Protein backbone atom coordinates (compact mmCIF):
# COMPACT_ATOMS: atom_id res chain seq x y z
CA MET A 1 -79.62 -93.35 -73.72
CA TYR A 2 -80.97 -96.88 -73.96
CA ILE A 3 -82.08 -97.04 -77.58
CA GLU A 4 -79.84 -97.45 -80.58
CA PRO A 5 -78.60 -94.21 -82.18
CA ASP A 6 -80.21 -95.11 -85.52
CA MET A 7 -83.62 -95.42 -83.83
CA ARG A 8 -83.19 -92.01 -82.20
CA CYS A 9 -82.23 -90.55 -85.57
CA LYS A 10 -85.35 -92.00 -87.21
CA VAL A 11 -87.60 -90.62 -84.49
CA VAL A 12 -85.96 -87.18 -84.65
CA GLN A 13 -86.39 -87.12 -88.43
CA TRP A 14 -90.03 -88.09 -87.97
CA MET A 15 -90.44 -85.29 -85.41
CA TYR A 16 -89.06 -82.74 -87.90
CA GLU A 17 -91.44 -84.06 -90.59
CA VAL A 18 -94.42 -83.82 -88.23
CA GLY A 19 -93.32 -80.35 -87.13
CA ASP A 20 -93.12 -79.24 -90.75
CA TRP A 21 -96.52 -80.74 -91.56
CA LEU A 22 -98.15 -79.07 -88.54
CA GLY A 23 -96.43 -75.73 -89.13
CA LEU A 24 -94.24 -75.90 -86.03
CA GLY A 25 -90.95 -74.08 -86.40
CA THR A 26 -87.64 -75.87 -86.08
CA PRO A 27 -87.02 -74.18 -82.70
CA THR A 28 -90.12 -75.94 -81.39
CA VAL A 29 -89.00 -79.28 -82.76
CA GLY A 30 -85.51 -78.62 -81.39
CA LYS A 31 -87.00 -78.16 -77.95
CA ALA A 32 -88.93 -81.41 -78.38
CA VAL A 33 -85.69 -83.19 -79.32
CA TYR A 34 -84.11 -81.84 -76.12
CA TYR A 35 -87.04 -83.26 -74.13
CA LEU A 36 -86.75 -86.59 -75.95
CA ASP A 37 -83.04 -86.86 -75.14
CA LYS A 38 -83.63 -85.91 -71.52
CA TYR A 39 -86.35 -88.52 -71.19
CA LEU A 40 -84.30 -91.22 -72.93
CA SER A 41 -81.29 -90.49 -70.72
CA THR A 42 -83.45 -90.93 -67.63
CA LEU A 43 -85.58 -93.99 -68.41
CA ARG A 44 -85.38 -97.17 -70.44
CA VAL A 45 -87.78 -96.98 -73.36
CA LEU A 46 -88.82 -99.90 -75.49
CA ARG A 47 -88.02 -99.48 -79.15
CA SER A 48 -91.74 -99.70 -79.91
CA ALA A 49 -92.48 -96.75 -77.57
CA VAL A 50 -89.91 -94.23 -78.79
CA GLN A 51 -92.31 -92.62 -81.28
CA PHE A 52 -94.89 -92.31 -78.49
CA VAL A 53 -92.33 -90.45 -76.37
CA GLY A 54 -91.44 -88.25 -79.36
CA THR A 55 -95.10 -87.44 -79.92
CA VAL A 56 -95.53 -86.32 -76.32
CA ALA A 57 -92.30 -84.31 -76.52
CA LEU A 58 -93.78 -82.43 -79.49
CA VAL A 59 -96.96 -81.72 -77.52
CA ILE A 60 -95.02 -80.26 -74.60
CA ALA A 61 -92.64 -78.26 -76.80
CA SER A 62 -95.44 -76.73 -78.83
CA LYS A 63 -97.26 -75.72 -75.66
CA MET A 64 -94.08 -74.12 -74.34
CA GLU A 65 -93.49 -72.21 -77.57
CA PHE A 66 -97.02 -71.17 -78.44
CA GLY A 67 -99.09 -71.75 -75.32
CA ALA A 68 -101.24 -74.06 -77.39
CA ALA A 69 -100.37 -77.22 -79.20
CA PRO A 70 -101.75 -78.92 -82.25
CA SER A 71 -104.59 -81.13 -81.13
CA LEU A 72 -103.74 -84.55 -79.83
CA VAL A 73 -105.95 -85.93 -82.59
CA GLU A 74 -103.74 -84.21 -85.21
CA LEU A 75 -100.54 -85.46 -83.61
CA ASN A 76 -101.93 -88.94 -83.25
CA ALA A 77 -102.92 -88.87 -86.94
CA CYS A 78 -99.26 -88.18 -87.75
CA ALA A 79 -98.45 -91.36 -85.84
CA ARG A 80 -101.09 -93.27 -87.85
CA ASN A 81 -103.50 -93.20 -84.91
CA SER A 82 -101.25 -95.56 -82.99
CA TYR A 83 -102.18 -94.26 -79.54
CA ARG A 84 -105.22 -93.56 -77.45
CA ILE A 85 -105.74 -89.85 -76.78
CA GLU A 86 -106.15 -90.59 -73.07
CA ASP A 87 -102.74 -92.32 -73.05
CA LEU A 88 -101.15 -89.26 -74.67
CA ARG A 89 -102.66 -87.01 -71.98
CA LYS A 90 -101.47 -89.26 -69.16
CA MET A 91 -98.02 -89.55 -70.70
CA GLU A 92 -97.74 -85.76 -70.93
CA ILE A 93 -98.04 -85.46 -67.14
CA TYR A 94 -95.70 -88.38 -66.56
CA PHE A 95 -93.20 -86.92 -69.03
CA LEU A 96 -93.26 -83.54 -67.27
CA ASN A 97 -92.63 -85.29 -63.96
CA VAL A 98 -89.59 -87.02 -65.49
CA LEU A 99 -88.37 -83.57 -66.57
CA ASN A 100 -89.07 -82.28 -63.02
CA TRP A 101 -91.36 -79.79 -64.76
CA GLN A 102 -88.28 -78.02 -66.15
CA ALA A 103 -89.67 -77.44 -69.61
CA ASN A 104 -88.36 -73.92 -70.22
CA VAL A 105 -84.94 -74.80 -71.61
CA LEU A 106 -82.32 -73.13 -73.74
CA THR A 107 -81.67 -75.00 -76.97
CA PRO A 108 -79.13 -74.55 -79.77
CA HIS A 109 -81.82 -72.58 -81.62
CA THR A 110 -82.08 -70.20 -78.66
CA PHE A 111 -78.34 -69.64 -78.53
CA THR A 112 -78.04 -69.21 -82.29
CA ALA A 113 -80.62 -66.42 -82.25
CA LEU A 114 -79.05 -64.88 -79.15
CA PHE A 115 -75.53 -64.90 -80.57
CA LEU A 116 -76.65 -63.37 -83.87
CA THR A 117 -78.68 -60.69 -82.09
CA ASN A 118 -75.72 -59.49 -80.07
CA VAL A 119 -73.10 -59.40 -82.82
CA PRO A 120 -73.18 -56.40 -85.17
CA PHE A 121 -73.45 -58.11 -88.56
CA ASP A 122 -74.16 -56.40 -91.81
CA SER A 123 -77.41 -56.92 -93.69
CA ASN A 124 -76.84 -60.64 -94.31
CA VAL A 125 -77.78 -61.65 -90.76
CA ALA A 126 -81.06 -63.26 -91.86
CA ARG A 127 -79.25 -65.47 -94.33
CA VAL A 128 -76.59 -66.42 -91.79
CA TYR A 129 -79.36 -67.25 -89.31
CA GLN A 130 -81.15 -69.51 -91.81
CA HIS A 131 -77.91 -71.31 -92.69
CA SER A 132 -77.05 -71.62 -88.99
CA ILE A 133 -80.42 -73.16 -88.20
CA PHE A 134 -79.83 -75.69 -90.96
CA PHE A 135 -76.62 -76.77 -89.22
CA VAL A 136 -78.33 -76.79 -85.81
CA ASP A 137 -81.03 -79.10 -87.17
CA LEU A 138 -78.41 -81.41 -88.67
CA ALA A 139 -76.61 -81.58 -85.32
CA LEU A 140 -79.81 -82.32 -83.41
CA ALA A 141 -80.61 -85.22 -85.72
CA ALA A 142 -77.17 -86.77 -85.27
CA TYR A 143 -76.75 -88.88 -82.15
CA LYS A 144 -73.08 -88.02 -81.68
CA PHE A 145 -73.93 -84.37 -80.93
CA HIS A 146 -76.51 -85.00 -78.20
CA THR A 147 -73.92 -84.61 -75.44
CA PHE A 148 -72.72 -81.16 -76.55
CA LYS A 149 -73.97 -78.08 -74.75
CA PRO A 150 -76.63 -76.13 -76.66
CA SER A 151 -74.45 -73.02 -76.66
CA VAL A 152 -71.60 -74.92 -78.32
CA ILE A 153 -73.88 -76.31 -81.02
CA GLY A 154 -75.32 -72.83 -81.64
CA ALA A 155 -71.89 -71.23 -81.91
CA ALA A 156 -70.56 -74.03 -84.11
CA ALA A 157 -73.58 -73.73 -86.39
CA ILE A 158 -72.91 -70.03 -86.89
CA ARG A 159 -69.27 -70.77 -87.63
CA CYS A 160 -70.27 -73.44 -90.15
CA ALA A 161 -72.74 -71.06 -91.77
CA LEU A 162 -70.10 -68.35 -92.07
CA THR A 163 -67.54 -70.81 -93.44
CA HIS A 164 -70.02 -72.43 -95.81
CA ASP A 165 -71.17 -69.15 -97.32
CA LYS A 166 -67.92 -67.75 -98.65
CA THR A 167 -69.63 -65.99 -101.55
CA ASP A 168 -70.48 -63.08 -99.28
CA THR A 169 -68.20 -62.00 -96.51
CA LEU A 170 -69.87 -60.61 -93.47
CA GLU A 171 -68.42 -57.57 -91.88
CA ILE A 172 -68.43 -58.25 -88.17
CA GLY A 173 -67.94 -55.34 -85.85
CA ARG A 174 -67.03 -52.82 -88.53
CA ALA A 175 -69.72 -50.25 -88.09
């Protein structure tokens, strides 16, 4: 990664804010963060262009999750109309080429949902999932976690959620 960790953190926080404003779920933003990290680990990006890359990552992730993305006009408005729509379209194709068109990826959000689906919890599974996703989102925003495998982050988030919520104990595997 060629940018400073604090700049990545600011862009990721901005991506979560935009995702919230546009009604994208955190799994969609998490996928966009994965794309951002992949792109940044492949190419040098000027500090002034990191938000542009993050914007395009959100476009691709939302298309992968929903089949349709918020309009480029809406996304550009979130970036204070900093870019030309035509440049966003061109960058989307370039970005996908950098990713070798491998846009269907497993993220910590994916693994968190998968792990919680396959473990027989009691009725508090929804709460554990919400707490786990909170920890996943924290990890994705922090630069020092970007090298961990998504499955490890997902499992660690569940562990943190279970440890954090000691008011209710979850019965695992006691059916």
